[in-house]
Amino acid sequence: MRCILRRMKTTGKFAAAILAALAILCIGSSLGSSSISLLDTVSVVFHKLSGRPFKERMDLKIVSIVWNLRLPRAFLAFIVGGALAVSGTVFQSVLKNPLASPFIVGVSSGASLGAGLVMLGGLTLPLIGAFTLPLAGFLFGLATVFFVIFCAAKIDKTLSNNTIILFGMVFSLFINAVLTALVAFFRDQLKNLLYWQMGSFALKGWNYVGLMLPFLIIGILGTIGYTREMDILTFGDEQAKSIGVNTRGLRIRLLLFSTILTGGAVALSGVIGFVDLIAPHLARKMVGAKHKDVIPMAFIIGGSLLVLTDLIARTVVSPSELPVGAVTAIIGAPFFAWVYFRKK
């Protein structure tokens, strides 16, 4: 009976979180330099999805702003925030560290280097054109993680948490040094590169959402398939091995799925920190420690947080915009300190 009541309570929390996320998406699609009423926003979305004509005459400018500019931007922010949150949840679980994040193993540094090389060299692939930049960011981020895992495995066959963290941090510092040296030689591109590194969803339409969806689907489905093993892993490697869990292979698979999520997010939106740290902690506060509940809740919370952050970034100094990464850092840094000192 107690289990049933607990499950009903958790289901109620999920329902509330989903409703709140939908409301935040509507608010994010309504507010801006020219405010649009929530009723008009919902009406535009409903009629676009259903294909029905408007009963009353709707201003085409409002339809264009909501459907072509604000809604895809808010939706992209939501799925990017959700992807980062799920990735952060997995890293904290696999590395058994409440302050762990996917950026610890060099995903953001590798993606930044790939994007930097494209920007500084003016490279454009013939078939994909403008999407050369996000593709390069993703591939370099993925290659960085492969290299970190390869080096860690050479030193430590069991791939212990400390070995992965150590190699990730060292390699991140090395890549950042290489990127700094490149920028010193190409000062004219400094502004563009720095702005990309701080993250932005400006002028990113439905095509960017379409590019993010494959990364999201592969990463989420791959991660959800190992929720039971992640629960077992929290009790320690020895206990997991005694039950028959291949801890080394499990770590590699989970790190790769998390890298797919983070690499796609960073490549399409730039480097946005702290969402992957904040959302998992809030999710565990709401639904407990079971990963089958924590992962979807972290996705909802992370997506909602990033939509709100993007809304603040584009309205607080309107018509100018702040980098999203700067706003998340302002919010996330105190949270990071609170988690650290509370655990200590």
C-alpha atoms as a PDB file:
ATOM      1  CA  MET A   1       0.000   0.000   0.000  1.00  0.00           C
ATOM      2  CA  ARG A   2       2.806   2.367   0.891  1.00  0.00           C
ATOM      3  CA  CYS A   3       4.508   1.664  -2.455  1.00  0.00           C
ATOM      4  CA  ILE A   4       1.287   2.419  -4.337  1.00  0.00           C
ATOM      5  CA  LEU A   5       0.861   5.725  -2.502  1.00  0.00           C
ATOM      6  CA  ARG A   6       4.495   6.631  -3.175  1.00  0.00           C
ATOM      7  CA  ARG A   7       4.049   5.818  -6.873  1.00  0.00           C
ATOM      8  CA  MET A   8       0.888   7.943  -7.054  1.00  0.00           C
ATOM      9  CA  LYS A   9       2.729  10.809  -5.380  1.00  0.00           C
ATOM     10  CA  THR A  10       5.575  10.526  -7.887  1.00  0.00           C
ATOM     11  CA  THR A  11       3.094  10.417 -10.776  1.00  0.00           C
ATOM     12  CA  GLY A  12       1.463  13.575  -9.457  1.00  0.00           C
ATOM     13  CA  LYS A  13       4.844  15.313  -9.337  1.00  0.00           C
ATOM     14  CA  PHE A  14       5.519  14.325 -12.952  1.00  0.00           C
ATOM     15  CA  ALA A  15       2.109  15.652 -14.033  1.00  0.00           C
ATOM     16  CA  ALA A  16       2.784  18.957 -12.262  1.00  0.00           C
ATOM     17  CA  ALA A  17       6.280  19.202 -13.780  1.00  0.00           C
ATOM     18  CA  ILE A  18       4.959  18.546 -17.310  1.00  0.00           C
ATOM     19  CA  LEU A  19       2.218  21.180 -16.936  1.00  0.00           C
ATOM     20  CA  ALA A  20       4.760  23.673 -15.601  1.00  0.00           C
ATOM     21  CA  ALA A  21       7.098  22.909 -18.531  1.00  0.00           C
ATOM     22  CA  LEU A  22       4.288  23.500 -21.063  1.00  0.00           C
ATOM     23  CA  ALA A  23       3.430  26.796 -19.368  1.00  0.00           C
ATOM     24  CA  ILE A  24       7.095  27.853 -19.448  1.00  0.00           C
ATOM     25  CA  LEU A  25       7.317  26.993 -23.161  1.00  0.00           C
ATOM     26  CA  CYS A  26       4.240  29.144 -23.832  1.00  0.00           C
ATOM     27  CA  ILE A  27       5.666  32.024 -21.786  1.00  0.00           C
ATOM     28  CA  GLY A  28       9.020  31.689 -23.552  1.00  0.00           C
ATOM     29  CA  SER A  29       7.225  31.876 -26.909  1.00  0.00           C
ATOM     30  CA  SER A  30       5.149  34.910 -25.891  1.00  0.00           C
ATOM     31  CA  LEU A  31       7.514  37.330 -24.168  1.00  0.00           C
ATOM     32  CA  GLY A  32      10.187  39.300 -25.977  1.00  0.00           C
ATOM     33  CA  SER A  33      10.917  42.677 -27.500  1.00  0.00           C
ATOM     34  CA  SER A  34       7.306  42.663 -28.755  1.00  0.00           C
ATOM     35  CA  SER A  35       5.054  40.919 -26.243  1.00  0.00           C
ATOM     36  CA  ILE A  36       2.333  38.600 -27.510  1.00  0.00           C
ATOM     37  CA  SER A  37      -0.541  37.386 -25.330  1.00  0.00           C
ATOM     38  CA  LEU A  38      -0.474  33.790 -24.109  1.00  0.00           C
ATOM     39  CA  LEU A  39      -3.884  33.217 -25.702  1.00  0.00           C
ATOM     40  CA  ASP A  40      -2.568  34.245 -29.125  1.00  0.00           C
ATOM     41  CA  THR A  41       0.515  32.051 -28.695  1.00  0.00           C
ATOM     42  CA  VAL A  42      -1.572  28.987 -27.773  1.00  0.00           C
ATOM     43  CA  SER A  43      -3.934  29.729 -30.649  1.00  0.00           C
ATOM     44  CA  VAL A  44      -1.081  29.922 -33.185  1.00  0.00           C
ATOM     45  CA  VAL A  45       0.469  26.669 -31.952  1.00  0.00           C
ATOM     46  CA  PHE A  46      -2.871  24.832 -31.886  1.00  0.00           C
ATOM     47  CA  HIS A  47      -3.858  25.893 -35.395  1.00  0.00           C
ATOM     48  CA  LYS A  48      -0.409  25.165 -36.818  1.00  0.00           C
ATOM     49  CA  LEU A  49      -0.349  21.670 -35.320  1.00  0.00           C
ATOM     50  CA  SER A  50      -3.940  20.829 -36.205  1.00  0.00           C
ATOM     51  CA  GLY A  51      -3.872  22.469 -39.650  1.00  0.00           C
ATOM     52  CA  ARG A  52      -7.176  24.219 -39.001  1.00  0.00           C
ATOM     53  CA  PRO A  53      -7.727  27.808 -40.179  1.00  0.00           C
ATOM     54  CA  PHE A  54      -8.075  30.594 -37.632  1.00  0.00           C
ATOM     55  CA  LYS A  55     -11.679  31.350 -36.647  1.00  0.00           C
ATOM     56  CA  GLU A  56     -10.840  35.016 -36.267  1.00  0.00           C
ATOM     57  CA  ARG A  57      -8.407  37.014 -38.323  1.00  0.00           C
ATOM     58  CA  MET A  58      -4.908  36.652 -36.882  1.00  0.00           C
ATOM     59  CA  ASP A  59      -2.093  39.101 -37.601  1.00  0.00           C
ATOM     60  CA  LEU A  60       0.393  37.319 -39.873  1.00  0.00           C
ATOM     61  CA  LYS A  61       3.231  39.089 -38.085  1.00  0.00           C
ATOM     62  CA  ILE A  62       2.213  37.443 -34.790  1.00  0.00           C
ATOM     63  CA  VAL A  63       1.977  34.035 -36.483  1.00  0.00           C
ATOM     64  CA  SER A  64       5.445  34.451 -37.984  1.00  0.00           C
ATOM     65  CA  ILE A  65       7.038  35.637 -34.724  1.00  0.00           C
ATOM     66  CA  VAL A  66       5.561  32.790 -32.666  1.00  0.00           C
ATOM     67  CA  TRP A  67       5.927  29.896 -35.116  1.00  0.00           C
ATOM     68  CA  ASN A  68       9.129  30.792 -36.963  1.00  0.00           C
ATOM     69  CA  LEU A  69      11.163  32.602 -34.278  1.00  0.00           C
ATOM     70  CA  ARG A  70      10.147  32.151 -30.670  1.00  0.00           C
ATOM     71  CA  LEU A  71       8.629  28.661 -30.503  1.00  0.00           C
ATOM     72  CA  PRO A  72      11.540  26.860 -32.250  1.00  0.00           C
ATOM     73  CA  ARG A  73      13.971  28.834 -30.102  1.00  0.00           C
ATOM     74  CA  ALA A  74      12.141  27.915 -26.890  1.00  0.00           C
ATOM     75  CA  PHE A  75      11.760  24.280 -27.973  1.00  0.00           C
ATOM     76  CA  LEU A  76      15.446  24.016 -28.906  1.00  0.00           C
ATOM     77  CA  ALA A  77      16.387  25.494 -25.517  1.00  0.00           C
ATOM     78  CA  PHE A  78      14.121  22.942 -23.831  1.00  0.00           C
ATOM     79  CA  ILE A  79      15.568  19.852 -25.523  1.00  0.00           C
ATOM     80  CA  VAL A  80      19.152  21.145 -25.169  1.00  0.00           C
ATOM     81  CA  GLY A  81      18.568  21.789 -21.449  1.00  0.00           C
ATOM     82  CA  GLY A  82      16.980  18.351 -21.085  1.00  0.00           C
ATOM     83  CA  ALA A  83      19.879  16.658 -22.867  1.00  0.00           C
ATOM     84  CA  LEU A  84      22.441  18.420 -20.661  1.00  0.00           C
ATOM     85  CA  ALA A  85      20.469  17.529 -17.523  1.00  0.00           C
ATOM     86  CA  VAL A  86      20.249  13.827 -18.399  1.00  0.00           C
ATOM     87  CA  SER A  87      23.933  13.774 -19.280  1.00  0.00           C
ATOM     88  CA  GLY A  88      24.783  15.405 -15.944  1.00  0.00           C
ATOM     89  CA  THR A  89      22.636  12.850 -14.103  1.00  0.00           C
ATOM     90  CA  VAL A  90      24.519   9.986 -15.724  1.00  0.00           C
ATOM     91  CA  PHE A  91      27.942  11.486 -15.009  1.00  0.00           C
ATOM     92  CA  GLN A  92      27.100  12.095 -11.343  1.00  0.00           C
ATOM     93  CA  SER A  93      25.887   8.515 -11.053  1.00  0.00           C
ATOM     94  CA  VAL A  94      28.730   6.842 -12.962  1.00  0.00           C
ATOM     95  CA  LEU A  95      31.492   8.866 -11.287  1.00  0.00           C
ATOM     96  CA  LYS A  96      29.696   8.856  -7.896  1.00  0.00           C
ATOM     97  CA  ASN A  97      30.393  12.562  -7.494  1.00  0.00           C
ATOM     98  CA  PRO A  98      27.610  15.141  -6.861  1.00  0.00           C
ATOM     99  CA  LEU A  99      29.696  17.839  -8.579  1.00  0.00           C
ATOM    100  CA  ALA A 100      30.493  15.791 -11.692  1.00  0.00           C
ATOM    101  CA  SER A 101      29.332  16.948 -15.122  1.00  0.00           C
ATOM    102  CA  PRO A 102      29.959  15.964 -18.763  1.00  0.00           C
ATOM    103  CA  PHE A 103      32.294  18.936 -19.140  1.00  0.00           C
ATOM    104  CA  ILE A 104      34.690  17.225 -16.743  1.00  0.00           C
ATOM    105  CA  VAL A 105      35.860  14.803 -19.464  1.00  0.00           C
ATOM    106  CA  GLY A 106      36.461  17.507 -22.045  1.00  0.00           C
ATOM    107  CA  VAL A 107      33.291  17.441 -24.160  1.00  0.00           C
ATOM    108  CA  SER A 108      32.897  21.226 -24.142  1.00  0.00           C
ATOM    109  CA  SER A 109      36.611  21.828 -24.703  1.00  0.00           C
ATOM    110  CA  GLY A 110      36.720  19.456 -27.664  1.00  0.00           C
ATOM    111  CA  ALA A 111      33.568  20.931 -29.183  1.00  0.00           C
ATOM    112  CA  SER A 112      34.940  24.454 -28.717  1.00  0.00           C
ATOM    113  CA  LEU A 113      38.167  23.483 -30.488  1.00  0.00           C
ATOM    114  CA  GLY A 114      36.255  21.988 -33.431  1.00  0.00           C
ATOM    115  CA  ALA A 115      34.039  25.052 -33.730  1.00  0.00           C
ATOM    116  CA  GLY A 116      37.051  27.317 -33.354  1.00  0.00           C
ATOM    117  CA  LEU A 117      38.899  25.628 -36.217  1.00  0.00           C
ATOM    118  CA  VAL A 118      35.844  26.024 -38.462  1.00  0.00           C
ATOM    119  CA  MET A 119      35.422  29.702 -37.550  1.00  0.00           C
ATOM    120  CA  LEU A 120      39.080  30.616 -37.761  1.00  0.00           C
ATOM    121  CA  GLY A 121      39.652  28.714 -40.991  1.00  0.00           C
ATOM    122  CA  GLY A 122      36.384  29.759 -42.624  1.00  0.00           C
ATOM    123  CA  LEU A 123      35.655  26.120 -43.492  1.00  0.00           C
ATOM    124  CA  THR A 124      32.341  25.109 -45.056  1.00  0.00           C
ATOM    125  CA  LEU A 125      31.509  21.614 -46.284  1.00  0.00           C
ATOM    126  CA  PRO A 126      29.679  21.644 -49.626  1.00  0.00           C
ATOM    127  CA  LEU A 127      26.661  19.481 -48.751  1.00  0.00           C
ATOM    128  CA  ILE A 128      25.811  20.740 -45.272  1.00  0.00           C
ATOM    129  CA  GLY A 129      26.844  24.398 -45.550  1.00  0.00           C
ATOM    130  CA  ALA A 130      26.002  26.313 -42.360  1.00  0.00           C
ATOM    131  CA  PHE A 131      25.829  23.105 -40.335  1.00  0.00           C
ATOM    132  CA  THR A 132      29.567  22.533 -40.715  1.00  0.00           C
ATOM    133  CA  LEU A 133      30.071  24.349 -37.415  1.00  0.00           C
ATOM    134  CA  PRO A 134      27.779  22.179 -35.223  1.00  0.00           C
ATOM    135  CA  LEU A 135      29.000  18.999 -36.940  1.00  0.00           C
ATOM    136  CA  ALA A 136      32.637  19.882 -36.236  1.00  0.00           C
ATOM    137  CA  GLY A 137      31.797  20.709 -32.626  1.00  0.00           C
ATOM    138  CA  PHE A 138      30.054  17.378 -32.099  1.00  0.00           C
ATOM    139  CA  LEU A 139      32.766  15.271 -33.750  1.00  0.00           C
ATOM    140  CA  PHE A 140      35.580  16.947 -31.820  1.00  0.00           C
ATOM    141  CA  GLY A 141      33.672  16.593 -28.546  1.00  0.00           C
ATOM    142  CA  LEU A 142      33.087  12.898 -29.213  1.00  0.00           C
ATOM    143  CA  ALA A 143      36.729  12.361 -30.220  1.00  0.00           C
ATOM    144  CA  THR A 144      37.872  14.008 -26.982  1.00  0.00           C
ATOM    145  CA  VAL A 145      35.861  11.590 -24.854  1.00  0.00           C
ATOM    146  CA  PHE A 146      37.142   8.592 -26.836  1.00  0.00           C
ATOM    147  CA  PHE A 147      40.699   9.792 -26.277  1.00  0.00           C
ATOM    148  CA  VAL A 148      40.143  10.334 -22.530  1.00  0.00           C
ATOM    149  CA  ILE A 149      38.637   6.848 -22.136  1.00  0.00           C
ATOM    150  CA  PHE A 150      41.454   5.303 -24.204  1.00  0.00           C
ATOM    151  CA  CYS A 151      44.177   6.967 -22.086  1.00  0.00           C
ATOM    152  CA  ALA A 152      42.424   6.166 -18.809  1.00  0.00           C
ATOM    153  CA  ALA A 153      42.041   2.506 -19.829  1.00  0.00           C
ATOM    154  CA  LYS A 154      45.775   2.273 -20.568  1.00  0.00           C
ATOM    155  CA  ILE A 155      46.612   3.372 -17.030  1.00  0.00           C
ATOM    156  CA  ASP A 156      43.689   1.815 -15.143  1.00  0.00           C
ATOM    157  CA  LYS A 157      42.022  -1.291 -16.597  1.00  0.00           C
ATOM    158  CA  THR A 158      39.028  -0.893 -14.283  1.00  0.00           C
ATOM    159  CA  LEU A 159      38.400   2.704 -15.429  1.00  0.00           C
ATOM    160  CA  SER A 160      38.026   4.039 -11.899  1.00  0.00           C
ATOM    161  CA  ASN A 161      36.258   7.341 -11.333  1.00  0.00           C
ATOM    162  CA  ASN A 162      39.362   9.239 -10.245  1.00  0.00           C
ATOM    163  CA  THR A 163      41.325   8.146 -13.334  1.00  0.00           C
ATOM    164  CA  ILE A 164      38.591   9.329 -15.725  1.00  0.00           C
ATOM    165  CA  ILE A 165      38.198  12.655 -13.910  1.00  0.00           C
ATOM    166  CA  LEU A 166      41.950  13.261 -13.797  1.00  0.00           C
ATOM    167  CA  PHE A 167      42.517  12.572 -17.510  1.00  0.00           C
ATOM    168  CA  GLY A 168      39.425  14.568 -18.459  1.00  0.00           C
ATOM    169  CA  MET A 169      40.535  17.641 -16.526  1.00  0.00           C
ATOM    170  CA  VAL A 170      44.115  17.486 -17.800  1.00  0.00           C
ATOM    171  CA  PHE A 171      43.047  17.050 -21.418  1.00  0.00           C
ATOM    172  CA  SER A 172      40.472  19.858 -21.105  1.00  0.00           C
ATOM    173  CA  LEU A 173      43.180  22.220 -19.911  1.00  0.00           C
ATOM    174  CA  PHE A 174      45.406  21.187 -22.804  1.00  0.00           C
ATOM    175  CA  ILE A 175      42.674  21.769 -25.416  1.00  0.00           C
ATOM    176  CA  ASN A 176      41.789  25.152 -23.896  1.00  0.00           C
ATOM    177  CA  ALA A 177      45.461  26.141 -24.138  1.00  0.00           C
ATOM    178  CA  VAL A 178      45.544  25.135 -27.832  1.00  0.00           C
ATOM    179  CA  LEU A 179      42.362  27.122 -28.484  1.00  0.00           C
ATOM    180  CA  THR A 180      43.790  30.186 -26.717  1.00  0.00           C
ATOM    181  CA  ALA A 181      46.935  29.982 -28.840  1.00  0.00           C
ATOM    182  CA  LEU A 182      44.846  29.794 -32.039  1.00  0.00           C
ATOM    183  CA  VAL A 183      42.782  32.822 -31.014  1.00  0.00           C
ATOM    184  CA  ALA A 184      46.004  34.781 -30.420  1.00  0.00           C
ATOM    185  CA  PHE A 185      46.871  34.316 -34.095  1.00  0.00           C
ATOM    186  CA  PHE A 186      43.364  35.155 -35.392  1.00  0.00           C
ATOM    187  CA  ARG A 187      42.252  38.123 -33.310  1.00  0.00           C
ATOM    188  CA  ASP A 188      39.687  39.257 -35.874  1.00  0.00           C
ATOM    189  CA  GLN A 189      37.543  36.182 -35.086  1.00  0.00           C
ATOM    190  CA  LEU A 190      37.844  36.546 -31.307  1.00  0.00           C
ATOM    191  CA  LYS A 191      34.399  38.105 -30.792  1.00  0.00           C
ATOM    192  CA  ASN A 192      32.518  35.424 -32.765  1.00  0.00           C
ATOM    193  CA  LEU A 193      34.317  32.595 -31.016  1.00  0.00           C
ATOM    194  CA  LEU A 194      33.789  33.987 -27.527  1.00  0.00           C
ATOM    195  CA  TYR A 195      30.087  34.596 -28.204  1.00  0.00           C
ATOM    196  CA  TRP A 196      29.656  31.025 -29.447  1.00  0.00           C
ATOM    197  CA  GLN A 197      31.426  29.649 -26.370  1.00  0.00           C
ATOM    198  CA  MET A 198      29.011  31.494 -24.069  1.00  0.00           C
ATOM    199  CA  GLY A 199      25.987  29.901 -25.738  1.00  0.00           C
ATOM    200  CA  SER A 200      23.072  31.347 -27.689  1.00  0.00           C
ATOM    201  CA  PHE A 201      19.777  30.275 -29.281  1.00  0.00           C
ATOM    202  CA  ALA A 202      19.374  33.409 -31.406  1.00  0.00           C
ATOM    203  CA  LEU A 203      18.105  32.939 -34.979  1.00  0.00           C
ATOM    204  CA  LYS A 204      17.918  29.147 -34.662  1.00  0.00           C
ATOM    205  CA  GLY A 205      14.785  27.736 -36.245  1.00  0.00           C
ATOM    206  CA  TRP A 206      13.136  24.363 -36.711  1.00  0.00           C
ATOM    207  CA  ASN A 207      16.079  23.047 -38.739  1.00  0.00           C
ATOM    208  CA  TYR A 208      18.252  23.194 -35.614  1.00  0.00           C
ATOM    209  CA  VAL A 209      15.548  21.344 -33.665  1.00  0.00           C
ATOM    210  CA  GLY A 210      15.594  18.655 -36.352  1.00  0.00           C
ATOM    211  CA  LEU A 211      19.375  18.376 -36.063  1.00  0.00           C
ATOM    212  CA  MET A 212      19.217  17.973 -32.270  1.00  0.00           C
ATOM    213  CA  LEU A 213      16.486  15.314 -32.227  1.00  0.00           C
ATOM    214  CA  PRO A 214      18.650  12.360 -33.434  1.00  0.00           C
ATOM    215  CA  PHE A 215      21.265  13.088 -30.744  1.00  0.00           C
ATOM    216  CA  LEU A 216      18.494  13.379 -28.155  1.00  0.00           C
ATOM    217  CA  ILE A 217      16.669  10.179 -29.134  1.00  0.00           C
ATOM    218  CA  ILE A 218      19.819   8.023 -29.299  1.00  0.00           C
ATOM    219  CA  GLY A 219      21.232   9.396 -26.040  1.00  0.00           C
ATOM    220  CA  ILE A 220      17.981   9.220 -24.043  1.00  0.00           C
ATOM    221  CA  LEU A 221      16.986   5.722 -25.215  1.00  0.00           C
ATOM    222  CA  GLY A 222      20.508   4.421 -24.631  1.00  0.00           C
ATOM    223  CA  THR A 223      20.608   5.909 -21.132  1.00  0.00           C
ATOM    224  CA  ILE A 224      17.138   4.736 -20.076  1.00  0.00           C
ATOM    225  CA  GLY A 225      18.104   1.187 -21.031  1.00  0.00           C
ATOM    226  CA  TYR A 226      20.611   1.122 -18.144  1.00  0.00           C
ATOM    227  CA  THR A 227      18.620   2.698 -15.287  1.00  0.00           C
ATOM    228  CA  ARG A 228      18.607  -0.533 -13.262  1.00  0.00           C
ATOM    229  CA  GLU A 229      22.384  -0.957 -13.665  1.00  0.00           C
ATOM    230  CA  MET A 230      22.927   2.658 -12.584  1.00  0.00           C
ATOM    231  CA  ASP A 231      20.903   1.997  -9.429  1.00  0.00           C
ATOM    232  CA  ILE A 232      23.127  -1.007  -8.681  1.00  0.00           C
ATOM    233  CA  LEU A 233      26.289   0.983  -9.453  1.00  0.00           C
ATOM    234  CA  THR A 234      25.495   3.466  -6.673  1.00  0.00           C
ATOM    235  CA  PHE A 235      26.241   0.724  -4.107  1.00  0.00           C
ATOM    236  CA  GLY A 236      29.837   0.436  -5.337  1.00  0.00           C
ATOM    237  CA  ASP A 237      31.801  -1.517  -7.926  1.00  0.00           C
ATOM    238  CA  GLU A 238      32.315  -4.600  -5.765  1.00  0.00           C
ATOM    239  CA  GLN A 239      28.619  -5.019  -5.083  1.00  0.00           C
ATOM    240  CA  ALA A 240      27.798  -4.441  -8.753  1.00  0.00           C
ATOM    241  CA  LYS A 241      30.350  -7.013  -9.887  1.00  0.00           C
ATOM    242  CA  SER A 242      29.020  -9.581  -7.411  1.00  0.00           C
ATOM    243  CA  ILE A 243      25.585  -9.260  -9.033  1.00  0.00           C
ATOM    244  CA  GLY A 244      27.112  -9.734 -12.482  1.00  0.00           C
ATOM    245  CA  VAL A 245      27.351  -6.139 -13.753  1.00  0.00           C
ATOM    246  CA  ASN A 246      30.292  -5.431 -16.055  1.00  0.00           C
ATOM    247  CA  THR A 247      31.193  -2.092 -14.461  1.00  0.00           C
ATOM    248  CA  ARG A 248      33.930  -1.219 -16.953  1.00  0.00           C
ATOM    249  CA  GLY A 249      31.770  -1.807 -20.022  1.00  0.00           C
ATOM    250  CA  LEU A 250      28.804  -0.117 -18.363  1.00  0.00           C
ATOM    251  CA  ARG A 251      30.834   3.030 -17.659  1.00  0.00           C
ATOM    252  CA  ILE A 252      32.055   3.227 -21.257  1.00  0.00           C
ATOM    253  CA  ARG A 253      28.556   2.810 -22.715  1.00  0.00           C
ATOM    254  CA  LEU A 254      26.984   5.349 -20.365  1.00  0.00           C
ATOM    255  CA  LEU A 255      29.762   7.874 -20.953  1.00  0.00           C
ATOM    256  CA  LEU A 256      29.338   7.519 -24.709  1.00  0.00           C
ATOM    257  CA  PHE A 257      25.557   7.971 -24.590  1.00  0.00           C
ATOM    258  CA  SER A 258      26.032  11.014 -22.354  1.00  0.00           C
ATOM    259  CA  THR A 259      28.613  12.396 -24.754  1.00  0.00           C
ATOM    260  CA  ILE A 260      26.154  12.070 -27.637  1.00  0.00           C
ATOM    261  CA  LEU A 261      23.678  14.171 -25.646  1.00  0.00           C
ATOM    262  CA  THR A 262      26.227  16.772 -24.560  1.00  0.00           C
ATOM    263  CA  GLY A 263      28.088  16.872 -27.871  1.00  0.00           C
ATOM    264  CA  GLY A 264      24.893  17.537 -29.825  1.00  0.00           C
ATOM    265  CA  ALA A 265      23.761  20.194 -27.329  1.00  0.00           C
ATOM    266  CA  VAL A 266      27.110  22.010 -27.228  1.00  0.00           C
ATOM    267  CA  ALA A 267      27.581  21.834 -30.986  1.00  0.00           C
ATOM    268  CA  LEU A 268      24.184  23.429 -31.699  1.00  0.00           C
ATOM    269  CA  SER A 269      23.960  25.984 -28.895  1.00  0.00           C
ATOM    270  CA  GLY A 270      27.492  26.622 -27.641  1.00  0.00           C
ATOM    271  CA  VAL A 271      28.920  25.983 -24.186  1.00  0.00           C
ATOM    272  CA  ILE A 272      26.179  26.290 -21.551  1.00  0.00           C
ATOM    273  CA  GLY A 273      27.225  25.221 -18.084  1.00  0.00           C
ATOM    274  CA  PHE A 274      25.598  24.458 -14.729  1.00  0.00           C
ATOM    275  CA  VAL A 275      22.259  23.153 -16.114  1.00  0.00           C
ATOM    276  CA  ASP A 276      23.786  19.665 -16.061  1.00  0.00           C
ATOM    277  CA  LEU A 277      24.733  20.234 -12.404  1.00  0.00           C
ATOM    278  CA  ILE A 278      21.561  21.872 -11.066  1.00  0.00           C
ATOM    279  CA  ALA A 279      18.813  19.779 -12.705  1.00  0.00           C
ATOM    280  CA  PRO A 280      19.893  16.317 -11.385  1.00  0.00           C
ATOM    281  CA  HIS A 281      19.982  17.584  -7.783  1.00  0.00           C
ATOM    282  CA  LEU A 282      16.527  19.170  -8.078  1.00  0.00           C
ATOM    283  CA  ALA A 283      15.182  15.980  -9.695  1.00  0.00           C
ATOM    284  CA  ARG A 284      16.456  13.791  -6.853  1.00  0.00           C
ATOM    285  CA  LYS A 285      14.890  16.168  -4.339  1.00  0.00           C
ATOM    286  CA  MET A 286      11.533  15.699  -6.072  1.00  0.00           C
ATOM    287  CA  VAL A 287      11.377  11.988  -6.966  1.00  0.00           C
ATOM    288  CA  GLY A 288      14.122  10.230  -4.976  1.00  0.00           C
ATOM    289  CA  ALA A 289      17.186   8.355  -6.160  1.00  0.00           C
ATOM    290  CA  LYS A 290      15.805   5.760  -8.603  1.00  0.00           C
ATOM    291  CA  HIS A 291      17.155   6.555 -12.051  1.00  0.00           C
ATOM    292  CA  LYS A 292      13.978   5.501 -13.870  1.00  0.00           C
ATOM    293  CA  ASP A 293      12.361   8.521 -12.179  1.00  0.00           C
ATOM    294  CA  VAL A 294      15.360  10.834 -11.872  1.00  0.00           C
ATOM    295  CA  ILE A 295      16.284  10.810 -15.593  1.00  0.00           C
ATOM    296  CA  PRO A 296      12.888  11.927 -17.007  1.00  0.00           C
ATOM    297  CA  MET A 297      12.400  14.434 -14.179  1.00  0.00           C
ATOM    298  CA  ALA A 298      15.893  15.855 -14.740  1.00  0.00           C
ATOM    299  CA  PHE A 299      15.047  16.220 -18.449  1.00  0.00           C
ATOM    300  CA  ILE A 300      11.892  18.209 -17.662  1.00  0.00           C
ATOM    301  CA  ILE A 301      13.609  20.400 -15.055  1.00  0.00           C
ATOM    302  CA  GLY A 302      16.703  20.999 -17.196  1.00  0.00           C
ATOM    303  CA  GLY A 303      14.616  21.953 -20.225  1.00  0.00           C
ATOM    304  CA  SER A 304      12.423  24.300 -18.201  1.00  0.00           C
ATOM    305  CA  LEU A 305      15.436  25.951 -16.549  1.00  0.00           C
ATOM    306  CA  LEU A 306      17.115  26.653 -19.872  1.00  0.00           C
ATOM    307  CA  VAL A 307      13.944  28.094 -21.431  1.00  0.00           C
ATOM    308  CA  LEU A 308      13.624  30.460 -18.456  1.00  0.00           C
ATOM    309  CA  THR A 309      17.329  31.311 -18.640  1.00  0.00           C
ATOM    310  CA  ASP A 310      17.093  32.072 -22.358  1.00  0.00           C
ATOM    311  CA  LEU A 311      14.032  34.228 -21.690  1.00  0.00           C
ATOM    312  CA  ILE A 312      16.004  36.241 -19.112  1.00  0.00           C
ATOM    313  CA  ALA A 313      18.975  36.514 -21.478  1.00  0.00           C
ATOM    314  CA  ARG A 314      16.908  38.059 -24.282  1.00  0.00           C
ATOM    315  CA  THR A 315      14.607  40.310 -22.238  1.00  0.00           C
ATOM    316  CA  VAL A 316      16.644  41.760 -19.369  1.00  0.00           C
ATOM    317  CA  VAL A 317      18.560  44.167 -21.652  1.00  0.00           C
ATOM    318  CA  SER A 318      16.137  44.123 -24.599  1.00  0.00           C
ATOM    319  CA  PRO A 319      16.572  44.671 -27.537  1.00  0.00           C
ATOM    320  CA  SER A 320      20.130  43.409 -26.930  1.00  0.00           C
ATOM    321  CA  GLU A 321      20.813  39.869 -25.704  1.00  0.00           C
ATOM    322  CA  LEU A 322      23.036  38.395 -23.033  1.00  0.00           C
ATOM    323  CA  PRO A 323      24.827  35.097 -23.699  1.00  0.00           C
ATOM    324  CA  VAL A 324      22.802  32.246 -22.183  1.00  0.00           C
ATOM    325  CA  GLY A 325      25.942  30.714 -20.674  1.00  0.00           C
ATOM    326  CA  ALA A 326      26.604  33.920 -18.731  1.00  0.00           C
ATOM    327  CA  VAL A 327      23.130  33.812 -17.156  1.00  0.00           C
ATOM    328  CA  THR A 328      23.385  30.105 -16.257  1.00  0.00           C
ATOM    329  CA  ALA A 329      26.794  30.778 -14.684  1.00  0.00           C
ATOM    330  CA  ILE A 330      25.401  33.618 -12.561  1.00  0.00           C
ATOM    331  CA  ILE A 331      22.631  31.302 -11.322  1.00  0.00           C
ATOM    332  CA  GLY A 332      24.690  28.116 -11.193  1.00  0.00           C
ATOM    333  CA  ALA A 333      27.852  29.279  -9.432  1.00  0.00           C
ATOM    334  CA  PRO A 334      26.121  29.935  -6.061  1.00  0.00           C
ATOM    335  CA  PHE A 335      24.282  26.604  -6.427  1.00  0.00           C
ATOM    336  CA  PHE A 336      27.611  24.855  -7.095  1.00  0.00           C
ATOM    337  CA  ALA A 337      29.093  26.397  -3.944  1.00  0.00           C
ATOM    338  CA  TRP A 338      26.033  25.407  -1.904  1.00  0.00           C
ATOM    339  CA  VAL A 339      26.258  21.758  -3.011  1.00  0.00           C
ATOM    340  CA  TYR A 340      29.993  21.655  -2.316  1.00  0.00           C
ATOM    341  CA  PHE A 341      29.846  23.110   1.206  1.00  0.00           C
ATOM    342  CA  ARG A 342      26.678  21.184   2.125  1.00  0.00           C
ATOM    343  CA  LYS A 343      28.348  17.879   1.167  1.00  0.00           C
ATOM    344  CA  LYS A 344      31.555  18.879   2.904  1.00  0.00           C
END
